[in-house]
Protein backbone atom coordinates (compact mmCIF):
# COMPACT_ATOMS: atom_id res chain seq x y z
CA MET A 1 10.89 -2.62 6.77
CA ARG A 2 9.46 -5.77 5.40
CA LYS A 3 11.82 -8.72 5.93
CA THR A 4 9.95 -11.53 4.21
CA ALA A 5 12.35 -14.40 3.58
CA PHE A 6 12.19 -16.11 0.23
CA SER A 7 14.36 -19.11 -0.36
CA LEU A 8 12.78 -20.59 -3.48
CA LEU A 9 13.25 -20.12 -7.21
CA GLY A 10 16.16 -18.28 -8.74
CA VAL A 11 13.81 -15.63 -10.02
CA LEU A 12 13.12 -14.55 -6.44
CA LEU A 13 16.77 -13.66 -5.93
CA TRP A 14 16.55 -11.52 -9.04
CA VAL A 15 13.36 -9.76 -7.99
CA LEU A 16 13.83 -9.26 -4.26
CA ALA A 17 15.87 -6.34 -3.07
CA THR A 18 15.09 -3.59 -0.63
CA ILE A 19 12.15 -1.53 -1.78
CA PRO A 20 10.87 0.67 0.83
CA THR A 21 14.51 2.12 3.57
CA ARG A 22 11.24 20.51 3.72
CA ALA A 23 12.58 21.68 1.19
CA MET A 24 12.25 24.80 -0.99
CA PRO A 25 10.85 24.02 -4.44
CA LEU A 26 13.42 23.05 -7.05
CA SER A 27 13.13 23.05 -10.82
CA LEU A 28 10.83 20.43 -12.24
CA ALA A 29 12.60 20.37 -15.59
CA ALA A 30 14.10 16.89 -15.13
CA ALA A 31 10.90 15.42 -13.74
CA ALA A 32 8.74 16.94 -16.45
CA THR A 33 10.88 15.73 -19.33
CA GLY A 34 11.81 12.34 -17.85
CA ASP A 35 15.45 12.79 -18.92
CA SER A 36 18.36 10.65 -17.79
CA ALA A 37 18.76 12.69 -14.59
CA SER A 38 15.45 11.43 -13.21
CA ASN A 39 13.91 7.99 -12.69
CA HIS A 40 10.25 7.98 -11.69
CA ASP A 41 8.89 5.16 -9.52
CA ALA A 42 6.71 4.14 -6.54
CA PRO A 43 3.40 5.66 -7.74
CA LEU A 44 0.44 6.00 -5.37
CA LEU A 45 -3.15 6.69 -6.45
CA VAL A 46 -5.53 8.86 -4.42
CA SER A 47 -9.10 8.95 -5.70
CA SER A 48 -11.85 11.49 -5.06
CA ASP A 49 -15.63 11.30 -4.97
CA SER A 50 -15.79 13.26 -8.25
CA GLY A 51 -13.96 10.52 -10.17
CA ASP A 52 -10.74 12.55 -10.49
CA MET A 53 -7.53 11.12 -9.08
CA ILE A 54 -4.16 12.36 -7.87
CA VAL A 55 -1.00 10.45 -8.70
CA VAL A 56 1.92 10.86 -6.28
CA TRP A 57 5.33 9.41 -7.06
CA ARG A 58 9.05 9.63 -6.44
CA ALA A 59 11.56 11.03 -8.93
CA VAL A 60 15.11 9.94 -8.17
CA THR A 61 17.79 12.32 -9.44
CA THR A 62 21.55 12.59 -9.03
CA ASP A 63 20.87 15.00 -6.13
CA GLY A 64 18.38 12.81 -4.25
CA SER A 65 14.60 12.41 -4.45
CA GLU A 66 11.64 14.58 -5.36
CA VAL A 67 8.07 13.67 -4.46
CA ILE A 68 5.75 14.87 -7.22
CA ALA A 69 1.96 14.96 -7.67
CA ARG A 70 -0.32 15.30 -10.70
CA LYS A 71 -4.13 15.39 -10.86
CA LEU A 72 -6.01 13.67 -13.71
CA ASN A 73 -9.69 13.74 -14.60
CA GLN A 74 -11.78 10.80 -15.86
CA GLN A 75 -10.44 11.33 -19.38
CA GLY A 76 -6.80 11.35 -18.28
CA LYS A 77 -6.37 15.12 -18.72
CA SER A 78 -4.06 16.93 -16.29
CA LEU A 79 -6.13 19.39 -14.25
CA TRP A 80 -3.49 21.46 -12.50
CA HIS A 81 -2.17 24.46 -14.42
CA GLU A 82 1.47 23.46 -14.06
CA GLY A 83 0.76 19.79 -14.73
CA GLU A 84 3.07 18.42 -12.03
CA VAL A 85 3.54 19.89 -8.57
CA GLU A 86 6.63 19.25 -6.50
CA VAL A 87 5.73 18.24 -2.96
CA CYS A 88 9.23 17.96 -1.48
CA THR A 89 12.89 17.28 -2.24
CA GLU A 90 15.18 15.02 -0.24
CA PRO A 91 18.97 14.45 -0.25
CA LEU A 92 18.56 10.66 -0.15
CA PRO A 93 17.36 8.74 -3.23
CA ASN A 94 14.87 6.33 -1.63
CA VAL A 95 12.65 8.63 0.42
CA HIS A 96 9.57 6.81 1.70
CA PHE A 97 6.24 8.60 1.54
CA SER A 98 2.49 8.07 1.74
CA ALA A 99 -0.56 9.96 0.52
CA ALA A 100 -4.22 10.35 1.48
CA SER A 101 -7.16 12.37 0.24
CA ASP A 102 -7.94 15.53 2.19
CA GLY A 103 -11.63 14.86 1.55
CA ARG A 104 -11.97 18.09 -0.45
CA GLY A 105 -10.40 17.24 -3.79
CA GLY A 106 -6.81 17.67 -2.65
CA VAL A 107 -4.13 15.44 -1.14
CA ILE A 108 -1.97 15.19 1.98
CA VAL A 109 1.50 13.69 1.53
CA ALA A 110 3.77 12.60 4.40
CA TRP A 111 7.43 11.68 3.96
CA GLU A 112 10.77 11.05 5.65
CA ASP A 113 12.78 14.26 5.85
CA SER A 114 16.48 13.36 5.71
CA HIS A 115 18.09 16.80 5.74
CA LYS A 116 19.58 16.11 9.19
CA GLY A 117 21.18 12.94 7.87
CA ARG A 118 20.47 9.36 6.90
CA TYR A 119 20.24 8.18 10.51
CA ASP A 120 18.21 11.11 11.88
CA THR A 121 15.17 11.28 9.63
CA ASP A 122 12.00 13.16 10.60
CA ILE A 123 8.40 13.05 9.40
CA TYR A 124 7.04 16.02 7.43
CA ALA A 125 3.76 16.57 5.59
CA ALA A 126 2.28 18.88 2.96
CA ARG A 127 -1.25 19.53 1.72
CA LEU A 128 -2.20 20.41 -1.84
CA ASP A 129 -5.69 21.75 -2.47
CA VAL A 130 -8.09 20.87 -5.27
CA ASP A 131 -6.12 23.14 -7.65
CA GLY A 132 -2.67 21.92 -6.64
CA ARG A 133 -1.81 24.91 -4.44
CA SER A 134 0.26 24.28 -1.32
CA LEU A 135 -1.81 25.18 1.74
CA TRP A 136 0.77 24.70 4.47
CA GLN A 137 4.24 26.19 4.90
CA SER A 138 6.76 25.88 2.10
CA GLY A 139 8.61 22.59 2.29
CA GLY A 140 6.00 21.00 4.55
CA ILE A 141 5.21 21.03 8.25
CA PRO A 142 7.13 18.91 10.79
CA LEU A 143 5.00 16.16 12.28
CA CYS A 144 7.82 14.59 14.29
CA THR A 145 11.44 15.74 14.80
CA SER A 146 12.41 13.50 17.71
CA VAL A 147 15.91 12.06 18.02
CA HIS A 148 17.04 9.18 15.84
CA GLN A 149 15.01 7.88 12.93
CA GLN A 150 11.35 8.24 12.10
CA GLN A 151 10.48 6.19 9.02
CA PHE A 152 7.83 4.69 6.74
CA PRO A 153 4.87 7.07 7.27
CA LYS A 154 1.32 5.80 6.67
CA SER A 155 -1.42 8.36 5.98
CA VAL A 156 -5.17 8.03 6.53
CA SER A 157 -7.66 10.77 5.59
CA ASP A 158 -9.93 12.26 8.25
CA LYS A 159 -12.26 13.46 5.42
CA LEU A 160 -12.20 16.96 6.96
CA GLY A 161 -9.12 18.41 5.27
CA GLY A 162 -6.64 16.68 7.57
CA ALA A 163 -5.11 13.26 8.12
CA PHE A 164 -3.89 10.76 10.64
CA VAL A 165 -0.22 9.87 10.06
CA PHE A 166 1.59 6.95 11.71
CA TRP A 167 5.23 5.90 11.44
CA THR A 168 8.03 3.69 12.76
CA ASP A 169 9.96 5.59 15.44
CA TYR A 170 13.43 4.85 16.94
CA ARG A 171 13.52 7.56 19.64
CA ASN A 172 13.57 4.87 22.37
CA GLY A 173 16.38 2.85 20.79
CA ASN A 174 14.11 0.31 19.13
CA ALA A 175 11.35 0.46 16.52
CA ASP A 176 8.10 1.73 18.10
CA ILE A 177 4.91 3.04 16.49
CA PHE A 178 3.93 6.69 16.94
CA GLY A 179 1.46 8.93 15.15
CA CYS A 180 -0.46 12.18 15.09
CA HIS A 181 -3.64 13.80 13.80
CA VAL A 182 -3.07 16.96 11.74
CA ASN A 183 -6.05 19.18 10.82
CA GLU A 184 -6.83 21.16 7.67
CA GLN A 185 -4.72 24.14 8.79
CA GLY A 186 -1.71 21.95 9.50
CA ASP A 187 -2.12 22.09 13.27
CA ILE A 188 -1.44 18.90 15.22
CA LEU A 189 -4.56 18.06 17.21
CA ARG A 190 -3.23 15.05 19.11
CA ARG A 191 -0.32 12.64 19.24
CA PHE A 192 -0.35 8.86 19.63
CA GLU A 193 2.01 6.40 21.24
CA VAL A 194 0.50 3.38 19.52
CA CYS A 195 3.04 0.85 20.75
CA THR A 196 6.20 1.40 22.81
CA GLN A 197 6.66 -2.19 23.89
CA LYS A 198 10.19 -3.56 24.19
CA ASP A 199 11.99 -4.74 21.07
CA ASP A 200 10.76 -3.83 17.58
CA GLN A 201 7.38 -3.15 16.02
CA LEU A 202 7.72 -3.27 12.22
CA ASP A 203 5.82 -3.61 8.93
CA LEU A 204 3.01 -1.24 9.87
CA ALA A 205 -0.14 -1.42 7.72
CA THR A 206 -3.37 0.59 8.07
CA ALA A 207 -7.00 0.56 6.99
CA SER A 208 -9.93 2.79 7.85
CA SER A 209 -13.69 3.00 7.89
CA SER A 210 -13.08 6.74 7.96
CA PRO A 211 -14.07 8.88 9.67
CA ARG A 212 -15.21 6.38 12.29
CA PHE A 213 -12.27 4.02 12.86
CA ILE A 214 -8.65 3.42 11.85
CA CYS A 215 -7.09 0.01 12.38
CA LEU A 216 -3.33 -0.50 12.51
CA VAL A 217 -1.56 -3.85 12.29
CA TRP A 218 2.13 -4.67 12.64
CA VAL A 219 4.76 -7.34 13.32
CA ASP A 220 5.66 -7.25 17.02
CA HIS A 221 8.92 -8.66 18.48
CA ARG A 222 8.02 -8.35 22.17
CA MET A 223 7.99 -12.15 22.47
CA GLN A 224 10.65 -14.60 21.34
CA ALA A 225 8.66 -15.38 18.22
CA PRO A 226 7.45 -12.31 16.24
CA GLY A 227 3.66 -12.04 16.26
CA ILE A 228 0.90 -9.92 14.75
CA TYR A 229 -0.65 -7.13 16.86
CA ALA A 230 -3.29 -4.48 16.12
CA GLN A 231 -4.77 -1.27 17.51
CA LEU A 232 -8.02 0.60 16.80
CA ILE A 233 -8.27 4.40 16.91
CA ASP A 234 -11.67 6.08 16.76
CA GLY A 235 -12.60 9.40 15.18
CA ASP A 236 -12.03 11.20 18.48
CA GLY A 237 -8.45 9.93 18.64
CA LYS A 238 -9.04 7.38 21.37
CA MET A 239 -7.21 4.06 21.24
CA ARG A 240 -9.94 1.47 21.76
CA TRP A 241 -8.03 -1.76 22.32
CA SER A 242 -5.37 -2.94 24.80
CA GLU A 243 -2.46 -0.68 25.61
CA ASN A 244 0.41 -1.44 23.21
CA GLY A 245 -1.91 -3.42 20.96
CA LEU A 246 -4.26 -6.37 20.72
CA PRO A 247 -2.65 -9.76 19.91
CA VAL A 248 -3.96 -11.13 16.61
CA CYS A 249 -1.58 -14.08 16.32
CA THR A 250 1.13 -14.97 18.86
CA GLY A 251 3.02 -17.90 20.31
CA PHE A 252 4.21 -19.54 17.11
CA PHE A 253 7.52 -19.64 15.31
CA GLN A 254 7.21 -16.43 13.26
CA GLN A 255 4.65 -14.21 11.54
CA GLU A 256 5.40 -11.40 9.09
CA ALA A 257 4.21 -9.30 6.12
CA PRO A 258 0.79 -8.25 7.50
CA ALA A 259 -1.89 -6.78 5.25
CA ILE A 260 -5.25 -5.28 6.27
CA THR A 261 -8.49 -4.20 4.63
CA THR A 262 -11.83 -2.76 5.70
CA VAL A 263 -14.72 -5.20 5.27
CA ASN A 264 -17.40 -2.88 6.65
CA LYS A 265 -17.66 0.02 9.11
CA ASN A 266 -17.38 -2.36 12.07
CA CYS A 267 -14.97 -5.02 10.83
CA PHE A 268 -11.45 -5.41 9.42
CA GLN A 269 -9.69 -8.39 7.89
CA VAL A 270 -5.99 -9.12 8.41
CA ALA A 271 -3.68 -11.54 6.56
CA TRP A 272 -0.02 -12.45 7.10
CA ASP A 273 2.77 -14.90 6.34
CA ASP A 274 2.87 -17.56 9.05
CA TYR A 275 5.70 -20.00 9.83
CA ARG A 276 4.05 -21.98 12.63
CA ASN A 277 4.67 -25.17 10.63
CA ARG A 278 8.17 -24.03 9.56
CA VAL A 279 6.89 -23.46 6.00
CA ALA A 280 5.35 -20.11 5.06
CA LYS A 281 1.56 -20.22 4.84
CA VAL A 282 -0.94 -17.38 4.59
CA PHE A 283 -3.37 -17.00 7.51
CA VAL A 284 -6.38 -14.69 7.83
CA GLN A 285 -8.29 -13.18 10.76
CA ALA A 286 -11.37 -10.93 10.95
CA ILE A 287 -11.64 -8.52 13.89
CA ASP A 288 -14.62 -6.39 14.85
CA THR A 289 -14.35 -2.95 16.42
CA ASP A 290 -14.77 -4.45 19.89
CA GLY A 291 -11.53 -6.37 19.34
CA VAL A 292 -13.27 -9.74 18.97
CA ALA A 293 -11.67 -12.24 16.60
CA LEU A 294 -14.40 -13.63 14.34
CA LEU A 295 -12.46 -16.55 12.89
CA GLN A 296 -10.61 -19.28 14.76
CA PRO A 297 -7.98 -18.20 17.36
CA ASN A 298 -4.64 -17.19 15.83
CA GLY A 299 -6.14 -17.14 12.36
CA LEU A 300 -7.53 -19.31 9.60
CA PRO A 301 -5.22 -20.78 6.93
CA VAL A 302 -6.05 -20.21 3.29
CA THR A 303 -6.09 -23.32 1.14
CA GLY A 304 -4.39 -23.20 -2.27
CA ALA A 305 -1.90 -25.79 -3.46
CA ASP A 306 0.92 -27.44 -1.52
CA GLY A 307 4.07 -25.42 -0.96
CA PRO A 308 5.09 -22.09 0.56
CA GLN A 309 2.76 -19.07 0.37
CA TYR A 310 3.95 -15.45 0.54
CA ILE A 311 2.98 -11.74 0.47
CA PRO A 312 -0.79 -11.65 0.98
CA SER A 313 -2.81 -8.66 -0.20
CA LEU A 314 -6.42 -7.90 0.73
CA CYS A 315 -9.47 -5.99 -0.39
CA GLY A 316 -12.91 -5.75 1.20
CA LEU A 317 -15.91 -7.13 -0.64
CA ASP A 318 -19.48 -5.82 -0.30
CA SER A 319 -19.39 -5.55 3.54
CA ILE A 320 -19.54 -9.32 4.07
CA ALA A 321 -16.19 -10.77 3.05
CA GLY A 322 -12.56 -10.10 2.19
CA ILE A 323 -10.55 -11.20 -0.82
CA VAL A 324 -7.04 -12.44 -0.08
CA THR A 325 -4.47 -12.88 -2.87
CA TRP A 326 -1.08 -14.49 -2.39
CA LEU A 327 1.90 -16.01 -4.18
CA GLN A 328 2.21 -19.78 -4.19
CA TYR A 329 5.41 -21.78 -4.80
CA GLY A 330 6.23 -25.43 -5.14
CA ARG A 331 3.83 -27.81 -6.86
CA GLY A 332 1.07 -25.85 -8.58
CA ALA A 333 2.98 -22.55 -8.28
CA GLY A 334 1.23 -19.34 -9.26
CA MET A 335 -0.91 -16.58 -7.84
CA PHE A 336 -3.99 -17.64 -5.87
CA GLN A 337 -7.05 -15.84 -4.53
CA GLU A 338 -9.85 -16.73 -2.13
CA THR A 339 -12.96 -14.93 -0.94
CA ILE A 340 -13.37 -15.52 2.80
CA ASN A 341 -16.49 -14.31 4.62
CA LEU A 342 -16.76 -13.26 8.26
CA THR A 343 -17.51 -16.80 9.44
CA GLY A 344 -14.41 -18.23 7.73
CA SER A 345 -16.29 -19.82 4.85
CA ILE A 346 -14.32 -19.84 1.59
CA GLN A 347 -16.77 -18.70 -1.06
CA VAL A 348 -14.52 -18.68 -4.13
CA GLY A 349 -10.98 -19.97 -4.64
CA LYS A 350 -9.08 -19.35 -7.89
CA ALA A 351 -5.58 -19.65 -9.33
CA TYR A 352 -4.43 -16.67 -11.41
CA GLY A 353 -2.25 -16.82 -14.47
CA ILE A 354 -0.74 -19.88 -16.15
CA PRO A 355 1.92 -21.43 -13.89
CA LYS A 356 5.13 -22.44 -15.67
CA PRO A 357 8.75 -22.78 -14.54
CA SER A 358 9.99 -19.63 -16.27
CA LEU A 359 7.22 -17.36 -14.99
CA ALA A 360 6.60 -15.69 -11.65
CA GLN A 361 3.93 -13.26 -10.49
CA PHE A 362 4.53 -10.64 -7.81
CA TRP A 363 2.97 -7.71 -5.96
CA PRO A 364 -0.76 -8.34 -6.51
CA ALA A 365 -3.19 -5.50 -5.73
CA SER A 366 -6.97 -6.03 -5.74
CA VAL A 367 -10.14 -3.94 -5.58
CA SER A 368 -13.80 -4.90 -5.39
CA ASP A 369 -15.77 -4.58 -8.64
CA GLY A 370 -18.87 -3.59 -6.65
CA HIS A 371 -20.77 -6.68 -7.78
CA GLY A 372 -19.32 -9.42 -5.59
CA GLY A 373 -16.17 -9.90 -7.66
CA SER A 374 -12.77 -8.25 -7.89
CA VAL A 375 -10.14 -6.88 -10.24
CA THR A 376 -6.50 -7.71 -9.52
CA ALA A 377 -3.36 -6.24 -11.09
CA TRP A 378 0.09 -7.80 -10.73
CA LEU A 379 3.65 -7.77 -11.99
CA GLU A 380 4.68 -10.75 -14.09
CA TYR A 381 8.25 -11.86 -14.78
CA ASP A 382 9.16 -14.16 -17.62
CA VAL A 383 12.33 -14.71 -19.64
CA GLY A 384 13.31 -11.35 -21.12
CA ARG A 385 10.22 -9.43 -20.00
CA ILE A 386 8.54 -7.70 -17.06
CA GLU A 387 4.88 -6.76 -17.59
CA VAL A 388 1.71 -5.73 -15.76
CA PHE A 389 -1.39 -7.89 -16.10
CA ALA A 390 -4.89 -7.55 -14.70
CA GLN A 391 -7.82 -9.95 -14.26
CA HIS A 392 -11.51 -9.44 -13.52
CA THR A 393 -13.00 -12.29 -11.47
CA ARG A 394 -16.78 -12.50 -11.11
CA ALA A 395 -18.54 -13.39 -7.86
CA ASP A 396 -18.87 -17.01 -9.03
CA GLY A 397 -15.13 -17.25 -9.82
CA ARG A 398 -15.40 -16.88 -13.60
CA TYR A 399 -12.57 -15.07 -15.35
CA GLU A 400 -13.72 -12.16 -17.53
CA TRP A 401 -10.44 -11.19 -19.16
CA GLY A 402 -9.13 -14.49 -20.48
CA LYS A 403 -7.41 -17.32 -18.63
CA SER A 404 -4.10 -15.49 -18.15
CA GLY A 405 -5.50 -11.95 -17.70
CA ARG A 406 -5.26 -8.75 -19.72
CA LEU A 407 -1.78 -7.45 -20.60
CA LEU A 408 -1.54 -3.75 -19.73
CA GLY A 409 2.06 -3.01 -20.65
CA ALA A 410 5.75 -3.29 -19.86
CA ALA A 411 6.93 -2.57 -16.32
CA LYS A 412 10.02 -1.74 -14.31
CA GLU A 413 11.56 -4.36 -12.05
CA LYS A 414 10.08 -4.27 -8.52
CA SER A 415 7.30 -1.85 -9.54
CA HIS A 416 4.24 -2.45 -7.35
CA PRO A 417 1.03 -1.90 -9.37
CA GLN A 418 -1.57 0.34 -7.73
CA ILE A 419 -5.30 0.03 -8.47
CA VAL A 420 -8.37 2.08 -7.50
CA ALA A 421 -11.98 1.85 -8.65
CA ASP A 422 -13.95 4.78 -10.08
CA ARG A 423 -17.50 3.91 -9.00
CA LEU A 424 -19.03 6.90 -10.78
CA ASN A 425 -17.77 5.87 -14.20
CA HIS A 426 -17.53 2.09 -13.68
CA THR A 427 -13.84 2.10 -14.55
CA LEU A 428 -10.54 1.19 -12.90
CA ASN A 429 -7.35 3.21 -12.71
CA ILE A 430 -4.05 1.34 -12.53
CA ALA A 431 -0.56 2.81 -12.11
CA TRP A 432 2.98 1.43 -12.22
CA ALA A 433 6.50 2.36 -13.34
CA LYS A 434 8.23 1.20 -16.52
CA GLU A 435 11.64 1.64 -18.07
CA GLY A 436 11.88 4.33 -20.76
CA PRO A 437 14.68 5.31 -23.14
CA ASN A 438 15.87 8.05 -20.76
CA GLY A 439 14.98 6.58 -17.39
CA SER A 440 11.87 5.09 -15.83
CA VAL A 441 8.47 6.77 -16.16
CA ILE A 442 5.07 6.52 -14.47
CA VAL A 443 2.25 4.84 -16.38
CA VAL A 444 -1.41 5.42 -15.51
CA THR A 445 -4.16 3.64 -17.43
CA CYS A 446 -7.95 3.63 -17.25
CA VAL A 447 -9.69 0.32 -17.97
CA ASN A 448 -13.41 -0.34 -18.32
CA GLU A 449 -15.35 -3.33 -17.00
CA ASP A 450 -14.59 -5.52 -20.03
CA GLY A 451 -10.85 -4.87 -19.78
CA THR A 452 -10.60 -2.37 -22.62
CA VAL A 453 -7.99 0.34 -22.10
CA ILE A 454 -9.77 3.67 -22.43
CA TRP A 455 -6.65 5.81 -22.10
CA LYS A 456 -3.04 5.54 -21.00
CA LYS A 457 -0.70 8.32 -19.87
CA GLU A 458 3.07 8.33 -19.26
CA PHE A 459 5.03 10.98 -17.38
């Protein structure tokens, strides 16, 4: 669970609260109508090579949670006969889940199964095919049913109909990292003990150059000061780096909130919040598949304005660089972004939005535009409103969608925007949750390269 500590601005106290803590199919009536018995949130987008996408989200009802999926084509039309397909139901309201493409037009979803109780959760998974049919056993297959809690699954496609799934595991009395590889039939091919070091390993994040490599990064408490560690797993399931993880940044006061992206098939970029100077700053490191750090030891600081920096997000850029976006507070507050290549050179640095005392930006998500630039979506809070904005930044740092970005619509508090690029059609798909008259709903919109909304769907 992410434990990033914010101590600035009253708006942070308003925004920050906990986000992410086998069942027979139930009726989808509440989810389909969006009535007061169901609040939809936490959407994830899974894209396919054909340009279609699958939206997976959580519907919270008075009885618990349902995880639901819907497939849309490039025009926003629902492709599955029933529209929405229920993946699972859970007794607890805030079930955590993840989703990955099966590489064949379908999706694999992994989640916390809480039917044994809040403090004895397991990890289950289900696969839906290209037509939305469930291919594995009803209610999902168990990936891990060990004692105590298994939480926060992360899914990575193997492109062959299966997936690698990793999670936080308390079977040893502290938070460790375990995982498995499940194939297209739902058989578990191998299991992983990624890190079973003493004390806790938390805030797991993953990236892949699938099917060749998967890189995992986490906050590790094995030393007095929490540090950042990583592990590389190859397509044969072999862990390539040091047992219990490779140190990325250690020996300082505290590091947290890691993010990771794939730069190219042989390199990953990692960013995190770093308190080595007692004030939160964002640091970045690039690591090749041999485990060699390409930037300075223990990471390179981003620049930006004076003041604390929080919650970095990353996206890879044209195989030569990564784009890091973060939130800046203090003098010159706002949302900042830099393009950092594999030698540590900062190619472009920009401030997003129009900083002002009443406004705060949160939860940025970025994707490469395929031409050396990026598109970023974020949640923006101002007096009396919560909205989603997006901005297209060219390779030379020029804004394409106005100084303050393109307004996409109203949003729900704490809704993390999701963004994926459709390379075939030169468009972007963005999803978030917003408040409706009878509960919150999922919004998915398709935007072209000049920021024009082509279509928007709510469900």
